[in-house]
Amino acid sequence: MKVLALGVALGLSAGVSPGPLLALVVSGTLRGGLGVGLRVAAVPVLTDLPVIVLSVTALSALPDRAVAAGGLAGGLFLLWLGGSTLREARTAELPRPDDAGAPAEGRRTVRQGVLVNLLSPHPWLFWLTTGSPLLVDAWRDGPGGAGGFLAGFYALLVGSKALLALVVARTRRRMTTRAFRLLLAGAGGLLLAASALLLAEFGGALTA
């Protein structure tokens, strides 16, 4: 249950945190409608597989203490990211179409989302420092835990972006900046909570 809860918290935090893919979800929805926004929201499911495979393959060959060190580094990274997200929530602006770069609709927007997600350092940083140590650790206890972590993470990662696309499609430009800032603040709080769990779990394993 703890691994599943971590997956849910990390997925929601990643889903609503500002970035190029979130901007493309909003932009695509404003320009092409809900269908476009939902397809862009699902991009991580298509693009993260090679990132996960490479990261997990590297960490699976390492001893337990190395995995614990990676988890500890991930906890520190999430601590920094959570603090940054909370600070950003005070002044953040809801992404507008111009934030996503070039005008795009339909398939072109989805192609841009795939490229953005593959080239962005965020998925690589997450899976190398946080996701893979958790996944490898969960897999050692059985495939069910690893599957639960992935299911929770991607359900909330994609689901939160899809929900934002739905809200944008229904309200278009009427979503308030205040509501968006509150979402970011909640994401920051989840990141800090996930950081505390990682530091407690892997910090103890590293010093044992």
N, C-alpha and C. Protein backbone atom coordinates (compact mmCIF):
# COMPACT_ATOMS: atom_id res chain seq x y z
N MET A 1 0.83 -1.22 0.00
CA MET A 1 0.00 0.00 0.00
C MET A 1 0.86 1.27 0.00
N LYS A 2 2.02 1.20 0.70
CA LYS A 2 2.88 2.38 0.76
C LYS A 2 3.44 2.72 -0.61
N VAL A 3 3.83 1.67 -1.37
CA VAL A 3 4.37 1.90 -2.71
C VAL A 3 3.29 2.45 -3.63
N LEU A 4 2.07 1.93 -3.51
CA LEU A 4 0.95 2.45 -4.31
C LEU A 4 0.67 3.90 -3.96
N ALA A 5 0.68 4.22 -2.65
CA ALA A 5 0.44 5.60 -2.22
C ALA A 5 1.51 6.53 -2.76
N LEU A 6 2.75 6.08 -2.76
CA LEU A 6 3.83 6.89 -3.34
C LEU A 6 3.60 7.12 -4.83
N GLY A 7 3.20 6.06 -5.53
CA GLY A 7 2.92 6.20 -6.96
C GLY A 7 1.83 7.22 -7.23
N VAL A 8 0.76 7.16 -6.43
CA VAL A 8 -0.35 8.11 -6.58
C VAL A 8 0.11 9.54 -6.31
N ALA A 9 0.84 9.73 -5.21
CA ALA A 9 1.29 11.07 -4.85
C ALA A 9 2.24 11.63 -5.89
N LEU A 10 3.19 10.82 -6.33
CA LEU A 10 4.16 11.29 -7.32
C LEU A 10 3.49 11.54 -8.67
N GLY A 11 2.54 10.68 -9.04
CA GLY A 11 1.85 10.86 -10.31
C GLY A 11 1.02 12.13 -10.34
N LEU A 12 0.31 12.42 -9.24
CA LEU A 12 -0.49 13.63 -9.19
C LEU A 12 0.41 14.87 -9.21
N SER A 13 1.50 14.81 -8.45
CA SER A 13 2.41 15.96 -8.41
C SER A 13 3.00 16.23 -9.79
N ALA A 14 3.45 15.16 -10.45
CA ALA A 14 4.02 15.34 -11.79
C ALA A 14 2.96 15.78 -12.79
N GLY A 15 1.73 15.31 -12.59
CA GLY A 15 0.67 15.63 -13.55
C GLY A 15 0.28 17.09 -13.58
N VAL A 16 0.30 17.76 -12.41
CA VAL A 16 -0.16 19.15 -12.37
C VAL A 16 1.00 20.15 -12.28
N SER A 17 2.23 19.65 -12.17
CA SER A 17 3.37 20.57 -12.12
C SER A 17 3.58 21.23 -13.48
N PRO A 18 3.97 22.50 -13.49
CA PRO A 18 4.14 23.20 -14.76
C PRO A 18 5.30 22.64 -15.56
N GLY A 19 5.15 22.68 -16.84
CA GLY A 19 6.18 22.17 -17.75
C GLY A 19 5.68 22.24 -19.17
N PRO A 20 6.54 21.88 -20.13
CA PRO A 20 6.14 21.99 -21.54
C PRO A 20 4.98 21.09 -21.92
N LEU A 21 4.91 19.88 -21.33
CA LEU A 21 3.81 18.98 -21.68
C LEU A 21 2.48 19.50 -21.16
N LEU A 22 2.49 20.05 -19.94
CA LEU A 22 1.26 20.64 -19.40
C LEU A 22 0.80 21.80 -20.28
N ALA A 23 1.76 22.61 -20.73
CA ALA A 23 1.41 23.72 -21.60
C ALA A 23 0.81 23.21 -22.90
N LEU A 24 1.33 22.09 -23.42
CA LEU A 24 0.78 21.52 -24.66
C LEU A 24 -0.62 20.95 -24.43
N VAL A 25 -0.88 20.38 -23.25
CA VAL A 25 -2.22 19.90 -22.95
C VAL A 25 -3.21 21.06 -22.99
N VAL A 26 -2.85 22.15 -22.32
CA VAL A 26 -3.73 23.32 -22.29
C VAL A 26 -3.86 23.92 -23.68
N SER A 27 -2.73 24.09 -24.35
CA SER A 27 -2.72 24.69 -25.68
C SER A 27 -3.53 23.86 -26.68
N GLY A 28 -3.27 22.54 -26.67
CA GLY A 28 -3.98 21.67 -27.60
C GLY A 28 -5.47 21.67 -27.37
N THR A 29 -5.87 21.72 -26.09
CA THR A 29 -7.30 21.74 -25.77
C THR A 29 -7.93 23.05 -26.22
N LEU A 30 -7.25 24.16 -25.98
CA LEU A 30 -7.79 25.45 -26.39
C LEU A 30 -7.90 25.55 -27.91
N ARG A 31 -6.95 24.97 -28.61
CA ARG A 31 -6.93 25.09 -30.07
C ARG A 31 -7.75 24.03 -30.77
N GLY A 32 -7.67 22.78 -30.28
CA GLY A 32 -8.27 21.68 -31.02
C GLY A 32 -9.38 20.95 -30.31
N GLY A 33 -9.69 21.30 -29.06
CA GLY A 33 -10.77 20.65 -28.35
C GLY A 33 -10.28 19.59 -27.38
N LEU A 34 -11.23 18.97 -26.69
CA LEU A 34 -10.92 18.03 -25.62
C LEU A 34 -10.15 16.81 -26.13
N GLY A 35 -10.50 16.31 -27.31
CA GLY A 35 -9.82 15.12 -27.84
C GLY A 35 -8.33 15.31 -27.98
N VAL A 36 -7.93 16.47 -28.46
CA VAL A 36 -6.51 16.76 -28.61
C VAL A 36 -5.83 16.80 -27.25
N GLY A 37 -6.45 17.49 -26.30
CA GLY A 37 -5.87 17.58 -24.96
C GLY A 37 -5.70 16.22 -24.31
N LEU A 38 -6.69 15.33 -24.47
CA LEU A 38 -6.60 14.00 -23.88
C LEU A 38 -5.50 13.18 -24.51
N ARG A 39 -5.31 13.30 -25.81
CA ARG A 39 -4.24 12.54 -26.47
C ARG A 39 -2.87 13.02 -26.02
N VAL A 40 -2.72 14.32 -25.84
CA VAL A 40 -1.44 14.85 -25.35
C VAL A 40 -1.21 14.41 -23.90
N ALA A 41 -2.26 14.38 -23.10
CA ALA A 41 -2.14 13.95 -21.70
C ALA A 41 -1.63 12.53 -21.59
N ALA A 42 -1.95 11.69 -22.59
CA ALA A 42 -1.55 10.28 -22.56
C ALA A 42 -0.14 10.05 -23.10
N VAL A 43 0.53 11.09 -23.55
CA VAL A 43 1.86 10.95 -24.15
C VAL A 43 2.86 10.23 -23.24
N PRO A 44 2.91 10.50 -21.91
CA PRO A 44 3.89 9.79 -21.08
C PRO A 44 3.78 8.27 -21.14
N VAL A 45 2.57 7.74 -21.33
CA VAL A 45 2.41 6.29 -21.43
C VAL A 45 3.16 5.75 -22.64
N LEU A 46 3.24 6.55 -23.71
CA LEU A 46 3.92 6.13 -24.93
C LEU A 46 5.43 6.33 -24.87
N THR A 47 5.86 7.37 -24.19
CA THR A 47 7.27 7.77 -24.29
C THR A 47 8.13 7.32 -23.12
N ASP A 48 7.53 6.97 -21.99
CA ASP A 48 8.34 6.67 -20.80
C ASP A 48 8.92 5.27 -20.78
N LEU A 49 8.41 4.36 -21.62
CA LEU A 49 8.87 2.97 -21.56
C LEU A 49 10.39 2.84 -21.75
N PRO A 50 10.98 3.44 -22.80
CA PRO A 50 12.44 3.30 -22.92
C PRO A 50 13.20 3.92 -21.76
N VAL A 51 12.66 5.01 -21.20
CA VAL A 51 13.30 5.65 -20.05
C VAL A 51 13.28 4.70 -18.86
N ILE A 52 12.14 4.08 -18.61
CA ILE A 52 12.00 3.16 -17.47
C ILE A 52 12.91 1.94 -17.66
N VAL A 53 12.90 1.37 -18.87
CA VAL A 53 13.70 0.16 -19.13
C VAL A 53 15.19 0.43 -18.92
N LEU A 54 15.68 1.53 -19.47
CA LEU A 54 17.10 1.85 -19.32
C LEU A 54 17.46 2.12 -17.85
N SER A 55 16.61 2.86 -17.15
CA SER A 55 16.89 3.20 -15.76
C SER A 55 16.85 1.96 -14.86
N VAL A 56 15.81 1.15 -15.04
CA VAL A 56 15.68 -0.04 -14.20
C VAL A 56 16.78 -1.06 -14.50
N THR A 57 17.13 -1.21 -15.77
CA THR A 57 18.20 -2.14 -16.14
C THR A 57 19.51 -1.76 -15.46
N ALA A 58 19.79 -0.47 -15.44
CA ALA A 58 21.02 -0.01 -14.80
C ALA A 58 20.99 -0.29 -13.30
N LEU A 59 19.86 0.02 -12.65
CA LEU A 59 19.80 -0.12 -11.20
C LEU A 59 19.66 -1.57 -10.74
N SER A 60 19.06 -2.44 -11.59
CA SER A 60 18.87 -3.83 -11.21
C SER A 60 20.20 -4.57 -11.03
N ALA A 61 21.22 -4.09 -11.74
CA ALA A 61 22.52 -4.75 -11.66
C ALA A 61 23.34 -4.27 -10.47
N LEU A 62 22.83 -3.30 -9.74
CA LEU A 62 23.58 -2.72 -8.63
C LEU A 62 23.19 -3.37 -7.31
N PRO A 63 24.07 -3.34 -6.30
CA PRO A 63 23.73 -3.89 -4.98
C PRO A 63 22.68 -3.06 -4.27
N ASP A 64 22.15 -3.64 -3.19
CA ASP A 64 21.06 -2.99 -2.46
C ASP A 64 21.44 -1.59 -1.96
N ARG A 65 22.68 -1.44 -1.51
CA ARG A 65 23.08 -0.15 -0.97
C ARG A 65 23.11 0.92 -2.07
N ALA A 66 23.42 0.52 -3.28
CA ALA A 66 23.41 1.47 -4.39
C ALA A 66 21.99 1.90 -4.71
N VAL A 67 21.06 0.94 -4.66
CA VAL A 67 19.65 1.28 -4.87
C VAL A 67 19.16 2.22 -3.77
N ALA A 68 19.57 1.94 -2.51
CA ALA A 68 19.19 2.81 -1.40
C ALA A 68 19.76 4.20 -1.57
N ALA A 69 21.02 4.29 -2.06
CA ALA A 69 21.63 5.60 -2.31
C ALA A 69 20.86 6.36 -3.38
N GLY A 70 20.41 5.63 -4.42
CA GLY A 70 19.60 6.27 -5.45
C GLY A 70 18.28 6.76 -4.91
N GLY A 71 17.65 5.96 -4.03
CA GLY A 71 16.39 6.39 -3.42
C GLY A 71 16.59 7.60 -2.53
N LEU A 72 17.72 7.63 -1.81
CA LEU A 72 18.01 8.79 -0.95
C LEU A 72 18.21 10.04 -1.80
N ALA A 73 18.93 9.89 -2.92
CA ALA A 73 19.12 11.02 -3.83
C ALA A 73 17.77 11.48 -4.39
N GLY A 74 16.89 10.52 -4.68
CA GLY A 74 15.56 10.87 -5.15
C GLY A 74 14.77 11.64 -4.12
N GLY A 75 14.89 11.24 -2.85
CA GLY A 75 14.20 11.96 -1.78
C GLY A 75 14.67 13.39 -1.67
N LEU A 76 15.98 13.59 -1.79
CA LEU A 76 16.53 14.95 -1.74
C LEU A 76 16.09 15.76 -2.95
N PHE A 77 16.05 15.11 -4.11
CA PHE A 77 15.58 15.79 -5.32
C PHE A 77 14.12 16.22 -5.17
N LEU A 78 13.29 15.34 -4.60
CA LEU A 78 11.88 15.67 -4.40
C LEU A 78 11.71 16.78 -3.36
N LEU A 79 12.59 16.79 -2.37
CA LEU A 79 12.56 17.86 -1.38
C LEU A 79 12.80 19.21 -2.04
N TRP A 80 13.79 19.26 -2.91
CA TRP A 80 14.08 20.49 -3.65
C TRP A 80 12.92 20.84 -4.59
N LEU A 81 12.41 19.82 -5.29
CA LEU A 81 11.34 20.07 -6.25
C LEU A 81 10.07 20.53 -5.54
N GLY A 82 9.76 19.93 -4.39
CA GLY A 82 8.57 20.34 -3.64
C GLY A 82 8.67 21.78 -3.18
N GLY A 83 9.85 22.16 -2.64
CA GLY A 83 10.05 23.55 -2.23
C GLY A 83 9.94 24.51 -3.39
N SER A 84 10.52 24.13 -4.53
CA SER A 84 10.45 24.99 -5.72
C SER A 84 9.02 25.14 -6.20
N THR A 85 8.26 24.04 -6.16
CA THR A 85 6.86 24.09 -6.61
C THR A 85 6.03 24.98 -5.71
N LEU A 86 6.25 24.90 -4.40
CA LEU A 86 5.52 25.76 -3.47
C LEU A 86 5.85 27.24 -3.70
N ARG A 87 7.13 27.52 -3.96
CA ARG A 87 7.51 28.91 -4.24
C ARG A 87 6.88 29.38 -5.56
N GLU A 88 6.90 28.51 -6.56
CA GLU A 88 6.35 28.89 -7.86
C GLU A 88 4.85 29.09 -7.80
N ALA A 89 4.18 28.34 -6.91
CA ALA A 89 2.72 28.43 -6.80
C ALA A 89 2.27 29.83 -6.38
N ARG A 90 3.15 30.59 -5.77
CA ARG A 90 2.76 31.93 -5.30
C ARG A 90 2.57 32.90 -6.46
N THR A 91 3.29 32.66 -7.58
CA THR A 91 3.24 33.63 -8.68
C THR A 91 2.93 32.98 -10.03
N ALA A 92 2.68 31.67 -10.06
CA ALA A 92 2.51 30.96 -11.34
C ALA A 92 1.30 31.48 -12.11
N GLU A 93 1.43 31.44 -13.42
CA GLU A 93 0.33 31.81 -14.32
C GLU A 93 -0.11 30.57 -15.08
N LEU A 94 -1.40 30.45 -15.31
CA LEU A 94 -1.93 29.33 -16.08
C LEU A 94 -1.33 29.36 -17.49
N PRO A 95 -0.79 28.22 -17.98
CA PRO A 95 -0.23 28.21 -19.33
C PRO A 95 -1.24 28.63 -20.37
N ARG A 96 -0.79 29.42 -21.33
CA ARG A 96 -1.60 29.86 -22.45
C ARG A 96 -1.05 29.26 -23.74
N PRO A 97 -1.76 29.34 -24.84
CA PRO A 97 -1.29 28.73 -26.07
C PRO A 97 0.12 29.13 -26.46
N ASP A 98 0.50 30.37 -26.26
CA ASP A 98 1.82 30.80 -26.68
C ASP A 98 2.93 30.13 -25.88
N ASP A 99 2.62 29.63 -24.66
CA ASP A 99 3.63 29.00 -23.84
C ASP A 99 4.11 27.68 -24.43
N ALA A 100 3.33 27.06 -25.29
CA ALA A 100 3.67 25.74 -25.80
C ALA A 100 4.58 25.80 -27.02
N GLY A 101 4.92 26.96 -27.54
CA GLY A 101 5.80 27.06 -28.69
C GLY A 101 5.00 27.32 -29.93
N ALA A 102 5.22 26.51 -30.94
CA ALA A 102 4.57 26.71 -32.23
C ALA A 102 3.10 26.30 -32.17
N PRO A 103 2.25 26.96 -32.99
CA PRO A 103 0.85 26.56 -33.05
C PRO A 103 0.73 25.10 -33.50
N ALA A 104 -0.17 24.37 -32.88
CA ALA A 104 -0.31 22.96 -33.23
C ALA A 104 -1.70 22.48 -32.88
N GLU A 105 -2.21 21.56 -33.67
CA GLU A 105 -3.49 20.94 -33.41
C GLU A 105 -3.38 19.47 -33.74
N GLY A 106 -4.30 18.69 -33.17
CA GLY A 106 -4.43 17.29 -33.53
C GLY A 106 -3.15 16.50 -33.46
N ARG A 107 -2.84 15.80 -34.56
CA ARG A 107 -1.68 14.91 -34.58
C ARG A 107 -0.38 15.67 -34.40
N ARG A 108 -0.33 16.87 -34.93
CA ARG A 108 0.89 17.64 -34.79
C ARG A 108 1.17 17.96 -33.32
N THR A 109 0.13 18.28 -32.56
CA THR A 109 0.30 18.55 -31.14
C THR A 109 0.77 17.31 -30.40
N VAL A 110 0.21 16.15 -30.75
CA VAL A 110 0.64 14.91 -30.11
C VAL A 110 2.10 14.62 -30.44
N ARG A 111 2.50 14.81 -31.70
CA ARG A 111 3.91 14.59 -32.07
C ARG A 111 4.82 15.53 -31.29
N GLN A 112 4.39 16.77 -31.12
CA GLN A 112 5.18 17.71 -30.32
C GLN A 112 5.28 17.23 -28.88
N GLY A 113 4.17 16.69 -28.35
CA GLY A 113 4.19 16.20 -26.98
C GLY A 113 5.16 15.04 -26.81
N VAL A 114 5.18 14.12 -27.77
CA VAL A 114 6.12 12.99 -27.72
C VAL A 114 7.55 13.49 -27.72
N LEU A 115 7.84 14.41 -28.62
CA LEU A 115 9.21 14.94 -28.72
C LEU A 115 9.60 15.69 -27.46
N VAL A 116 8.69 16.52 -26.96
CA VAL A 116 8.97 17.30 -25.75
C VAL A 116 9.25 16.38 -24.57
N ASN A 117 8.44 15.32 -24.42
CA ASN A 117 8.61 14.44 -23.27
C ASN A 117 9.90 13.61 -23.35
N LEU A 118 10.29 13.22 -24.58
CA LEU A 118 11.53 12.45 -24.73
C LEU A 118 12.76 13.32 -24.50
N LEU A 119 12.68 14.58 -24.91
CA LEU A 119 13.84 15.46 -24.79
C LEU A 119 13.90 16.17 -23.44
N SER A 120 12.78 16.20 -22.73
CA SER A 120 12.76 16.87 -21.43
C SER A 120 13.60 16.10 -20.42
N PRO A 121 14.37 16.79 -19.59
CA PRO A 121 15.16 16.08 -18.57
C PRO A 121 14.32 15.54 -17.42
N HIS A 122 13.09 16.03 -17.26
CA HIS A 122 12.30 15.66 -16.09
C HIS A 122 12.00 14.16 -16.00
N PRO A 123 11.51 13.49 -17.08
CA PRO A 123 11.28 12.05 -16.95
C PRO A 123 12.56 11.28 -16.63
N TRP A 124 13.66 11.67 -17.27
CA TRP A 124 14.92 10.98 -17.02
C TRP A 124 15.38 11.19 -15.59
N LEU A 125 15.30 12.42 -15.09
CA LEU A 125 15.68 12.69 -13.71
C LEU A 125 14.81 11.91 -12.73
N PHE A 126 13.51 11.90 -13.00
CA PHE A 126 12.60 11.21 -12.09
C PHE A 126 12.91 9.72 -12.03
N TRP A 127 13.03 9.07 -13.20
CA TRP A 127 13.21 7.63 -13.19
C TRP A 127 14.60 7.21 -12.74
N LEU A 128 15.61 8.04 -13.01
CA LEU A 128 16.96 7.68 -12.56
C LEU A 128 17.14 7.90 -11.06
N THR A 129 16.48 8.93 -10.50
CA THR A 129 16.73 9.27 -9.10
C THR A 129 15.63 8.80 -8.15
N THR A 130 14.42 8.65 -8.64
CA THR A 130 13.29 8.37 -7.75
C THR A 130 12.50 7.13 -8.17
N GLY A 131 12.00 7.14 -9.40
CA GLY A 131 11.11 6.08 -9.84
C GLY A 131 11.76 4.71 -9.88
N SER A 132 12.97 4.60 -10.45
CA SER A 132 13.61 3.29 -10.59
C SER A 132 13.99 2.66 -9.26
N PRO A 133 14.58 3.42 -8.31
CA PRO A 133 14.84 2.79 -7.01
C PRO A 133 13.56 2.25 -6.35
N LEU A 134 12.48 3.01 -6.44
CA LEU A 134 11.22 2.53 -5.88
C LEU A 134 10.71 1.29 -6.62
N LEU A 135 10.81 1.31 -7.94
CA LEU A 135 10.31 0.20 -8.75
C LEU A 135 11.14 -1.06 -8.51
N VAL A 136 12.46 -0.91 -8.47
CA VAL A 136 13.33 -2.06 -8.23
C VAL A 136 13.09 -2.63 -6.83
N ASP A 137 12.96 -1.75 -5.85
CA ASP A 137 12.71 -2.19 -4.48
C ASP A 137 11.37 -2.91 -4.37
N ALA A 138 10.35 -2.37 -5.04
CA ALA A 138 9.03 -2.99 -5.01
C ALA A 138 9.05 -4.35 -5.73
N TRP A 139 9.79 -4.44 -6.82
CA TRP A 139 9.86 -5.69 -7.59
C TRP A 139 10.51 -6.81 -6.78
N ARG A 140 11.46 -6.45 -5.93
CA ARG A 140 12.13 -7.46 -5.10
C ARG A 140 11.17 -8.07 -4.10
N ASP A 141 10.09 -7.36 -3.78
CA ASP A 141 9.06 -7.91 -2.90
C ASP A 141 7.96 -8.61 -3.68
N GLY A 142 8.01 -8.52 -5.00
CA GLY A 142 7.01 -9.17 -5.83
C GLY A 142 6.52 -8.26 -6.94
N PRO A 143 6.06 -8.84 -8.05
CA PRO A 143 5.61 -8.02 -9.18
C PRO A 143 4.37 -7.19 -8.88
N GLY A 144 3.57 -7.64 -7.90
CA GLY A 144 2.34 -6.90 -7.58
C GLY A 144 2.63 -5.49 -7.09
N GLY A 145 3.64 -5.35 -6.24
CA GLY A 145 4.00 -4.03 -5.73
C GLY A 145 4.49 -3.12 -6.82
N ALA A 146 5.34 -3.66 -7.70
CA ALA A 146 5.86 -2.86 -8.81
C ALA A 146 4.72 -2.44 -9.75
N GLY A 147 3.81 -3.39 -10.02
CA GLY A 147 2.67 -3.07 -10.88
C GLY A 147 1.77 -2.02 -10.24
N GLY A 148 1.59 -2.11 -8.91
CA GLY A 148 0.77 -1.12 -8.22
C GLY A 148 1.36 0.26 -8.28
N PHE A 149 2.69 0.33 -8.13
CA PHE A 149 3.36 1.63 -8.20
C PHE A 149 3.17 2.25 -9.58
N LEU A 150 3.40 1.46 -10.64
CA LEU A 150 3.25 1.97 -12.00
C LEU A 150 1.81 2.36 -12.29
N ALA A 151 0.87 1.52 -11.84
CA ALA A 151 -0.55 1.82 -12.08
C ALA A 151 -0.96 3.11 -11.38
N GLY A 152 -0.57 3.26 -10.11
CA GLY A 152 -0.91 4.47 -9.38
C GLY A 152 -0.27 5.70 -9.99
N PHE A 153 1.00 5.56 -10.36
CA PHE A 153 1.72 6.71 -10.91
C PHE A 153 1.10 7.19 -12.22
N TYR A 154 0.89 6.27 -13.16
CA TYR A 154 0.40 6.70 -14.47
C TYR A 154 -1.09 7.03 -14.46
N ALA A 155 -1.85 6.40 -13.58
CA ALA A 155 -3.27 6.77 -13.48
C ALA A 155 -3.41 8.23 -13.07
N LEU A 156 -2.58 8.66 -12.12
CA LEU A 156 -2.68 10.04 -11.65
C LEU A 156 -1.92 11.00 -12.56
N LEU A 157 -0.80 10.57 -13.13
CA LEU A 157 -0.05 11.43 -14.05
C LEU A 157 -0.90 11.79 -15.26
N VAL A 158 -1.46 10.76 -15.89
CA VAL A 158 -2.30 11.00 -17.07
C VAL A 158 -3.66 11.55 -16.66
N GLY A 159 -4.21 11.02 -15.58
CA GLY A 159 -5.55 11.43 -15.17
C GLY A 159 -5.63 12.89 -14.79
N SER A 160 -4.61 13.40 -14.08
CA SER A 160 -4.65 14.81 -13.69
C SER A 160 -4.54 15.73 -14.90
N LYS A 161 -3.71 15.35 -15.86
CA LYS A 161 -3.61 16.14 -17.09
C LYS A 161 -4.90 16.05 -17.90
N ALA A 162 -5.49 14.87 -17.94
CA ALA A 162 -6.76 14.71 -18.64
C ALA A 162 -7.86 15.53 -17.97
N LEU A 163 -7.86 15.56 -16.63
CA LEU A 163 -8.85 16.37 -15.91
C LEU A 163 -8.66 17.85 -16.22
N LEU A 164 -7.40 18.29 -16.28
CA LEU A 164 -7.14 19.69 -16.63
C LEU A 164 -7.64 19.99 -18.04
N ALA A 165 -7.41 19.04 -18.97
CA ALA A 165 -7.91 19.22 -20.34
C ALA A 165 -9.42 19.34 -20.35
N LEU A 166 -10.10 18.52 -19.53
CA LEU A 166 -11.57 18.59 -19.45
C LEU A 166 -12.03 19.93 -18.90
N VAL A 167 -11.36 20.40 -17.83
CA VAL A 167 -11.72 21.69 -17.24
C VAL A 167 -11.51 22.81 -18.25
N VAL A 168 -10.36 22.77 -18.95
CA VAL A 168 -10.07 23.82 -19.94
C VAL A 168 -11.09 23.78 -21.07
N ALA A 169 -11.44 22.56 -21.51
CA ALA A 169 -12.42 22.44 -22.60
C ALA A 169 -13.78 22.99 -22.19
N ARG A 170 -14.15 22.78 -20.92
CA ARG A 170 -15.46 23.24 -20.45
C ARG A 170 -15.47 24.75 -20.17
N THR A 171 -14.36 25.23 -19.67
CA THR A 171 -14.36 26.64 -19.24
C THR A 171 -13.55 27.54 -20.16
N ARG A 172 -12.75 26.87 -21.07
CA ARG A 172 -11.86 27.63 -21.95
C ARG A 172 -10.99 28.59 -21.16
N ARG A 173 -11.16 29.85 -21.34
CA ARG A 173 -10.27 30.80 -20.68
C ARG A 173 -10.79 31.30 -19.32
N ARG A 174 -11.80 30.63 -18.79
CA ARG A 174 -12.39 31.11 -17.54
C ARG A 174 -11.77 30.48 -16.29
N MET A 175 -10.87 29.52 -16.45
CA MET A 175 -10.20 28.94 -15.28
C MET A 175 -9.32 30.01 -14.65
N THR A 176 -9.44 30.16 -13.34
CA THR A 176 -8.74 31.25 -12.68
C THR A 176 -7.30 30.89 -12.35
N THR A 177 -6.48 31.91 -12.32
CA THR A 177 -5.09 31.72 -11.93
C THR A 177 -5.00 31.23 -10.49
N ARG A 178 -5.90 31.71 -9.64
CA ARG A 178 -5.90 31.29 -8.24
C ARG A 178 -6.11 29.78 -8.11
N ALA A 179 -7.04 29.24 -8.89
CA ALA A 179 -7.29 27.80 -8.84
C ALA A 179 -6.06 27.02 -9.28
N PHE A 180 -5.39 27.51 -10.31
CA PHE A 180 -4.19 26.85 -10.80
C PHE A 180 -3.08 26.90 -9.74
N ARG A 181 -2.95 28.04 -9.07
CA ARG A 181 -1.93 28.16 -8.03
C ARG A 181 -2.22 27.22 -6.86
N LEU A 182 -3.49 27.05 -6.53
CA LEU A 182 -3.84 26.13 -5.46
C LEU A 182 -3.49 24.69 -5.84
N LEU A 183 -3.70 24.33 -7.11
CA LEU A 183 -3.31 23.01 -7.59
C LEU A 183 -1.80 22.81 -7.44
N LEU A 184 -1.04 23.83 -7.82
CA LEU A 184 0.42 23.74 -7.70
C LEU A 184 0.85 23.61 -6.25
N ALA A 185 0.22 24.38 -5.37
CA ALA A 185 0.56 24.29 -3.96
C ALA A 185 0.28 22.89 -3.42
N GLY A 186 -0.83 22.30 -3.84
CA GLY A 186 -1.13 20.93 -3.44
C GLY A 186 -0.09 19.95 -3.97
N ALA A 187 0.35 20.18 -5.21
CA ALA A 187 1.39 19.33 -5.79
C ALA A 187 2.69 19.45 -5.00
N GLY A 188 3.03 20.68 -4.60
CA GLY A 188 4.23 20.88 -3.80
C GLY A 188 4.17 20.15 -2.48
N GLY A 189 3.00 20.20 -1.84
CA GLY A 189 2.83 19.48 -0.58
C GLY A 189 2.97 17.98 -0.75
N LEU A 190 2.42 17.43 -1.84
CA LEU A 190 2.56 16.00 -2.11
C LEU A 190 4.03 15.62 -2.36
N LEU A 191 4.75 16.47 -3.06
CA LEU A 191 6.16 16.20 -3.31
C LEU A 191 6.95 16.16 -2.00
N LEU A 192 6.66 17.08 -1.09
CA LEU A 192 7.35 17.09 0.19
C LEU A 192 7.01 15.84 1.01
N ALA A 193 5.75 15.42 0.96
CA ALA A 193 5.35 14.20 1.67
C ALA A 193 6.05 12.98 1.08
N ALA A 194 6.11 12.91 -0.25
CA ALA A 194 6.79 11.79 -0.89
C ALA A 194 8.28 11.81 -0.57
N SER A 195 8.86 13.00 -0.48
CA SER A 195 10.26 13.13 -0.12
C SER A 195 10.51 12.57 1.28
N ALA A 196 9.65 12.90 2.21
CA ALA A 196 9.81 12.41 3.58
C ALA A 196 9.74 10.89 3.64
N LEU A 197 8.83 10.29 2.86
CA LEU A 197 8.72 8.83 2.84
C LEU A 197 9.97 8.19 2.26
N LEU A 198 10.48 8.77 1.17
CA LEU A 198 11.69 8.22 0.54
C LEU A 198 12.89 8.33 1.46
N LEU A 199 13.07 9.49 2.08
CA LEU A 199 14.21 9.70 2.95
C LEU A 199 14.15 8.74 4.15
N ALA A 200 12.96 8.52 4.68
CA ALA A 200 12.82 7.62 5.82
C ALA A 200 13.11 6.18 5.42
N GLU A 201 12.57 5.75 4.27
CA GLU A 201 12.74 4.36 3.85
C GLU A 201 14.16 4.04 3.42
N PHE A 202 14.68 4.83 2.49
CA PHE A 202 16.00 4.51 1.93
C PHE A 202 17.14 5.02 2.82
N GLY A 203 16.89 6.06 3.62
CA GLY A 203 17.91 6.52 4.55
C GLY A 203 18.21 5.46 5.59
N GLY A 204 17.15 4.82 6.09
CA GLY A 204 17.33 3.74 7.06
C GLY A 204 18.04 2.54 6.45
N ALA A 205 17.69 2.20 5.19
CA ALA A 205 18.34 1.08 4.52
C ALA A 205 19.82 1.34 4.28
N LEU A 206 20.16 2.59 4.01
CA LEU A 206 21.55 2.92 3.71
C LEU A 206 22.42 2.88 4.95
N THR A 207 21.86 3.21 6.10
CA THR A 207 22.64 3.25 7.33
C THR A 207 22.59 1.93 8.10
N ALA A 208 21.74 1.01 7.63
CA ALA A 208 21.60 -0.27 8.36
C ALA A 208 22.85 -1.12 8.22
